[in-house]
Each structure stands twice: as C-alpha cells, then as structure tokens.
N, C-alpha and C. Protein backbone atom coordinates (compact mmCIF):
# COMPACT_ATOMS: atom_id res chain seq x y z
N MET A 1 13.16 -29.78 -35.57
CA MET A 1 12.65 -31.06 -35.61
C MET A 1 13.82 -32.01 -35.24
N VAL A 2 14.99 -31.82 -35.61
CA VAL A 2 16.13 -32.67 -35.23
C VAL A 2 16.42 -32.52 -33.79
N LEU A 3 16.34 -31.29 -33.34
CA LEU A 3 16.43 -30.96 -31.86
C LEU A 3 15.50 -31.75 -31.03
N ASP A 4 14.19 -31.76 -31.47
CA ASP A 4 13.26 -32.54 -30.71
C ASP A 4 13.61 -34.04 -30.73
N ALA A 5 14.03 -34.60 -31.88
CA ALA A 5 14.29 -35.92 -31.92
C ALA A 5 15.52 -36.33 -31.05
N LEU A 6 16.59 -35.48 -31.04
CA LEU A 6 17.71 -35.63 -30.18
C LEU A 6 17.35 -35.51 -28.67
N SER A 7 16.46 -34.59 -28.32
CA SER A 7 16.07 -34.49 -27.07
C SER A 7 15.17 -35.67 -26.59
N LEU A 8 14.37 -36.18 -27.42
CA LEU A 8 13.65 -37.34 -27.13
C LEU A 8 14.54 -38.62 -26.98
N LEU A 9 15.51 -38.75 -27.78
CA LEU A 9 16.46 -39.79 -27.60
C LEU A 9 17.22 -39.74 -26.30
N CYS A 10 17.66 -38.54 -25.90
CA CYS A 10 18.40 -38.36 -24.52
C CYS A 10 17.48 -38.72 -23.44
N LEU A 11 16.20 -38.34 -23.48
CA LEU A 11 15.15 -38.60 -22.42
C LEU A 11 15.02 -40.08 -22.43
N ALA A 12 14.75 -40.78 -23.50
CA ALA A 12 14.59 -42.24 -23.53
C ALA A 12 15.78 -43.03 -22.96
N ILE A 13 17.00 -42.65 -23.39
CA ILE A 13 18.19 -43.32 -22.87
C ILE A 13 18.38 -43.08 -21.40
N GLY A 14 18.15 -41.76 -21.00
CA GLY A 14 18.15 -41.54 -19.49
C GLY A 14 17.11 -42.35 -18.83
N LEU A 15 15.96 -42.48 -19.26
CA LEU A 15 14.97 -43.51 -18.66
C LEU A 15 15.47 -44.94 -18.52
N LEU A 16 16.18 -45.31 -19.56
CA LEU A 16 16.68 -46.69 -19.61
C LEU A 16 17.77 -46.92 -18.54
N PHE A 17 18.59 -45.82 -18.34
CA PHE A 17 19.65 -45.90 -17.23
C PHE A 17 18.93 -45.91 -15.91
N PHE A 18 17.95 -45.20 -15.68
CA PHE A 18 17.08 -45.18 -14.51
C PHE A 18 16.60 -46.63 -14.17
N CYS A 19 16.13 -47.22 -15.24
CA CYS A 19 15.52 -48.60 -15.06
C CYS A 19 16.63 -49.59 -14.74
N ALA A 20 17.77 -49.51 -15.36
CA ALA A 20 19.00 -50.27 -15.10
C ALA A 20 19.48 -50.14 -13.73
N GLY A 21 19.42 -48.87 -13.23
CA GLY A 21 19.81 -48.65 -11.88
C GLY A 21 18.82 -49.31 -10.77
N THR A 22 17.63 -49.17 -11.11
CA THR A 22 16.63 -49.78 -10.27
C THR A 22 16.65 -51.23 -10.29
N LEU A 23 17.03 -51.88 -11.43
CA LEU A 23 17.15 -53.34 -11.53
C LEU A 23 18.45 -53.80 -10.75
N GLY A 24 19.46 -52.99 -10.78
CA GLY A 24 20.74 -53.27 -10.05
C GLY A 24 20.35 -53.28 -8.63
N LEU A 25 19.61 -52.26 -8.18
CA LEU A 25 19.23 -52.10 -6.78
C LEU A 25 18.53 -53.41 -6.19
N LEU A 26 17.61 -53.90 -7.09
CA LEU A 26 16.82 -54.96 -6.74
C LEU A 26 17.58 -56.33 -6.89
N ARG A 27 18.51 -56.54 -7.70
CA ARG A 27 19.10 -57.79 -8.06
C ARG A 27 20.43 -58.07 -7.60
N LEU A 28 21.25 -57.10 -7.27
CA LEU A 28 22.63 -57.30 -6.90
C LEU A 28 22.63 -57.80 -5.52
N PRO A 29 23.72 -58.63 -5.12
CA PRO A 29 23.74 -59.38 -3.90
C PRO A 29 24.09 -58.59 -2.67
N ASP A 30 24.99 -57.59 -2.68
CA ASP A 30 25.42 -57.01 -1.39
C ASP A 30 25.22 -55.37 -1.55
N LEU A 31 25.27 -54.81 -0.42
CA LEU A 31 25.02 -53.36 -0.44
C LEU A 31 25.99 -52.61 -1.19
N LEU A 32 27.27 -52.71 -1.19
CA LEU A 32 28.15 -51.97 -2.07
C LEU A 32 27.95 -52.11 -3.53
N SER A 33 27.56 -53.30 -3.93
CA SER A 33 27.30 -53.50 -5.42
C SER A 33 26.05 -52.76 -5.78
N ARG A 34 25.07 -52.85 -4.91
CA ARG A 34 23.72 -52.14 -5.11
C ARG A 34 23.91 -50.71 -5.17
N LEU A 35 24.75 -50.17 -4.26
CA LEU A 35 25.00 -48.73 -4.06
C LEU A 35 25.84 -48.21 -5.35
N HIS A 36 26.71 -49.05 -5.81
CA HIS A 36 27.40 -48.63 -7.04
C HIS A 36 26.59 -48.61 -8.27
N ALA A 37 25.81 -49.63 -8.51
CA ALA A 37 24.98 -49.65 -9.58
C ALA A 37 23.93 -48.55 -9.50
N LEU A 38 23.34 -48.33 -8.44
CA LEU A 38 22.33 -47.25 -8.42
C LEU A 38 22.94 -45.83 -8.56
N THR A 39 24.09 -45.54 -8.00
CA THR A 39 24.57 -44.13 -8.06
C THR A 39 25.03 -43.97 -9.50
N LYS A 40 25.74 -44.86 -10.07
CA LYS A 40 26.33 -44.66 -11.48
C LYS A 40 25.15 -44.60 -12.44
N ALA A 41 24.26 -45.47 -12.52
CA ALA A 41 23.15 -45.46 -13.36
C ALA A 41 22.26 -44.21 -13.24
N ASP A 42 21.96 -43.85 -11.95
CA ASP A 42 21.20 -42.66 -11.83
C ASP A 42 21.80 -41.37 -12.22
N ASN A 43 23.15 -41.30 -11.73
CA ASN A 43 23.74 -40.06 -12.28
C ASN A 43 23.92 -39.84 -13.70
N LEU A 44 24.10 -40.90 -14.51
CA LEU A 44 24.24 -40.77 -15.96
C LEU A 44 22.75 -40.61 -16.46
N GLY A 45 21.70 -41.35 -15.93
CA GLY A 45 20.45 -41.21 -16.40
C GLY A 45 19.94 -39.74 -16.28
N LEU A 46 20.25 -39.23 -15.01
CA LEU A 46 19.86 -37.79 -14.75
C LEU A 46 20.52 -36.86 -15.75
N GLY A 47 21.79 -37.13 -15.89
CA GLY A 47 22.59 -36.26 -16.84
C GLY A 47 21.94 -36.34 -18.28
N LEU A 48 21.52 -37.44 -18.79
CA LEU A 48 20.91 -37.55 -20.01
C LEU A 48 19.54 -36.95 -20.07
N VAL A 49 18.78 -36.94 -19.05
CA VAL A 49 17.46 -36.44 -18.93
C VAL A 49 17.65 -34.80 -18.95
N ILE A 50 18.60 -34.30 -18.11
CA ILE A 50 18.88 -32.87 -18.10
C ILE A 50 19.36 -32.44 -19.56
N LEU A 51 20.12 -33.20 -20.11
CA LEU A 51 20.58 -32.81 -21.48
C LEU A 51 19.41 -32.74 -22.39
N GLY A 52 18.53 -33.58 -22.40
CA GLY A 52 17.23 -33.65 -23.26
C GLY A 52 16.44 -32.40 -22.92
N LEU A 53 16.36 -32.09 -21.66
CA LEU A 53 15.65 -30.91 -21.31
C LEU A 53 16.30 -29.66 -21.71
N VAL A 54 17.59 -29.61 -21.53
CA VAL A 54 18.43 -28.40 -21.96
C VAL A 54 18.39 -28.18 -23.41
N LEU A 55 18.18 -29.27 -24.19
CA LEU A 55 18.01 -29.12 -25.70
C LEU A 55 16.63 -28.43 -25.96
N GLN A 56 15.65 -28.77 -25.19
CA GLN A 56 14.38 -28.09 -25.29
C GLN A 56 14.41 -26.58 -24.87
N ALA A 57 15.30 -26.30 -23.96
CA ALA A 57 15.37 -24.91 -23.43
C ALA A 57 16.56 -24.18 -24.08
N ALA A 58 16.95 -24.58 -25.19
CA ALA A 58 18.17 -23.98 -25.77
C ALA A 58 17.97 -22.42 -26.05
N ASP A 59 16.70 -21.94 -26.33
CA ASP A 59 16.49 -20.54 -26.58
C ASP A 59 16.35 -19.82 -25.24
N GLN A 60 16.34 -20.46 -24.10
CA GLN A 60 16.31 -19.71 -22.84
C GLN A 60 17.49 -20.13 -21.95
N PRO A 61 18.61 -19.41 -22.07
CA PRO A 61 19.78 -19.73 -21.44
C PRO A 61 19.70 -19.82 -19.91
N LEU A 62 18.97 -18.98 -19.32
CA LEU A 62 18.71 -19.01 -17.75
C LEU A 62 18.15 -20.25 -17.37
N ARG A 63 17.22 -20.76 -18.06
CA ARG A 63 16.51 -22.03 -17.74
C ARG A 63 17.41 -23.19 -17.91
N ALA A 64 18.21 -23.17 -19.07
CA ALA A 64 19.12 -24.23 -19.20
C ALA A 64 20.21 -24.25 -18.17
N PHE A 65 20.70 -23.06 -17.70
CA PHE A 65 21.66 -22.95 -16.62
C PHE A 65 21.07 -23.44 -15.22
N LYS A 66 19.93 -23.24 -14.98
CA LYS A 66 19.11 -23.75 -13.80
C LYS A 66 19.16 -25.36 -13.82
N LEU A 67 18.79 -25.91 -14.99
CA LEU A 67 18.79 -27.28 -15.14
C LEU A 67 20.10 -27.93 -14.88
N VAL A 68 21.22 -27.29 -15.43
CA VAL A 68 22.52 -27.86 -15.28
C VAL A 68 22.93 -27.73 -13.74
N LEU A 69 22.60 -26.60 -13.10
CA LEU A 69 22.87 -26.38 -11.78
C LEU A 69 22.15 -27.38 -10.82
N ILE A 70 21.01 -27.73 -11.27
CA ILE A 70 20.21 -28.85 -10.35
C ILE A 70 20.91 -30.14 -10.48
N TRP A 71 21.34 -30.46 -11.77
CA TRP A 71 22.18 -31.73 -12.00
C TRP A 71 23.37 -31.87 -11.18
N LEU A 72 24.21 -30.66 -11.16
CA LEU A 72 25.33 -30.63 -10.31
C LEU A 72 25.06 -30.70 -8.86
N CYS A 73 24.03 -30.07 -8.38
CA CYS A 73 23.68 -30.24 -6.92
C CYS A 73 23.33 -31.68 -6.62
N VAL A 74 22.64 -32.38 -7.52
CA VAL A 74 22.19 -33.83 -7.32
C VAL A 74 23.53 -34.73 -7.35
N LEU A 75 24.41 -34.40 -8.19
CA LEU A 75 25.63 -35.12 -8.30
C LEU A 75 26.49 -35.13 -6.92
N ILE A 76 26.47 -33.90 -6.35
CA ILE A 76 27.15 -33.73 -5.12
C ILE A 76 26.48 -34.43 -4.04
N ALA A 77 25.21 -34.20 -3.98
CA ALA A 77 24.35 -34.96 -2.93
C ALA A 77 24.48 -36.43 -3.04
N SER A 78 24.36 -36.96 -4.28
CA SER A 78 24.49 -38.35 -4.54
C SER A 78 25.86 -38.99 -4.04
N ALA A 79 26.86 -38.26 -4.42
CA ALA A 79 28.16 -38.74 -4.02
C ALA A 79 28.28 -38.72 -2.54
N THR A 80 27.95 -37.71 -1.92
CA THR A 80 27.99 -37.57 -0.44
C THR A 80 27.14 -38.65 0.27
N GLY A 81 25.95 -38.87 -0.17
CA GLY A 81 25.06 -39.87 0.39
C GLY A 81 25.69 -41.37 0.27
N ALA A 82 26.24 -41.57 -1.01
CA ALA A 82 26.77 -42.92 -1.22
C ALA A 82 27.97 -43.14 -0.36
N HIS A 83 28.81 -42.08 -0.23
CA HIS A 83 29.98 -42.08 0.67
C HIS A 83 29.58 -42.42 2.15
N LEU A 84 28.62 -41.79 2.59
CA LEU A 84 28.22 -41.92 3.92
C LEU A 84 27.59 -43.38 4.12
N ILE A 85 26.80 -43.93 3.23
CA ILE A 85 26.24 -45.27 3.25
C ILE A 85 27.35 -46.37 3.19
N ALA A 86 28.32 -46.08 2.36
CA ALA A 86 29.42 -47.02 2.24
C ALA A 86 30.35 -47.03 3.55
N GLN A 87 30.51 -45.88 4.08
CA GLN A 87 31.36 -45.85 5.36
C GLN A 87 30.55 -46.64 6.47
N ARG A 88 29.31 -46.38 6.53
CA ARG A 88 28.55 -47.03 7.61
C ARG A 88 28.50 -48.65 7.36
N ALA A 89 28.43 -48.99 6.08
CA ALA A 89 28.53 -50.50 5.82
C ALA A 89 29.91 -51.05 6.09
N LEU A 90 30.84 -50.35 5.84
CA LEU A 90 32.26 -50.88 6.19
C LEU A 90 32.61 -50.85 7.62
N ARG A 91 31.81 -50.08 8.40
CA ARG A 91 31.99 -50.14 9.87
C ARG A 91 31.18 -51.39 10.54
N GLY A 92 30.42 -52.04 9.65
CA GLY A 92 29.69 -53.16 10.09
C GLY A 92 28.33 -52.79 10.64
N LYS A 93 27.84 -51.67 10.28
CA LYS A 93 26.53 -51.27 10.83
C LYS A 93 25.42 -51.21 9.70
N ALA A 94 25.62 -52.07 8.77
CA ALA A 94 24.73 -52.16 7.61
C ALA A 94 23.38 -52.87 8.12
N GLU A 95 22.30 -52.39 7.60
CA GLU A 95 20.98 -52.96 8.16
C GLU A 95 20.58 -54.25 7.28
N ASP A 96 21.22 -54.49 6.15
CA ASP A 96 20.67 -55.67 5.35
C ASP A 96 21.53 -56.88 5.61
N GLU A 97 22.47 -56.91 6.55
CA GLU A 97 23.19 -58.19 6.83
C GLU A 97 22.19 -59.12 7.71
N PRO A 98 22.41 -60.38 7.50
CA PRO A 98 21.54 -61.33 8.24
C PRO A 98 22.03 -61.53 9.66
C-alpha cells in the first residue's frame, strides 16, 4: 500500500516536471533557454517516472534493470541532442532567429 502511494507520487511529480518543461519550451525567449528548460525538466521528470515504475516492479529485478537502462539511454541521447542543437545555434544556424 505504501509502495503504491510512493509510486503514484513519483509518477505525479514526474508528470509535473514534464509539464514544466513543456511550458518552458513554449514560453522562454531564446533557443538556449528553451533547450535548457526542456532537457533539465524532461530528464528529471523521466527519472521520477522510471522510479515510480521501478517501485512497481520491485519484485522483478530484470524488469527494474531494463527500466533503469532505458532511462540511462535516454539521458545519453538527450545530452547528445542538446549539445548538437546548442552547437548549431552558436554557429549562427538556428532556425528560430528572425
């Protein structure tokens, strides 16, 4: 019962971080600010969602390991993508400039 409540809390907080990242993407003024808000909020949000799911899969260690592995792969891909987008923007090839 307590594990289910903690899992639900992690999932709900993760959803709030996803919403905050989306709001930052839509409301912040420049590309680098939007990129920062989106990557930080999404990585933390996904971490909390994965934690909530791992708590539900506590009796199945292989399933919990796969969930953590997915989170690590997304972290690496997110960092790489954000780095490439920021490099392109710093070279003056950003698409959102007027």
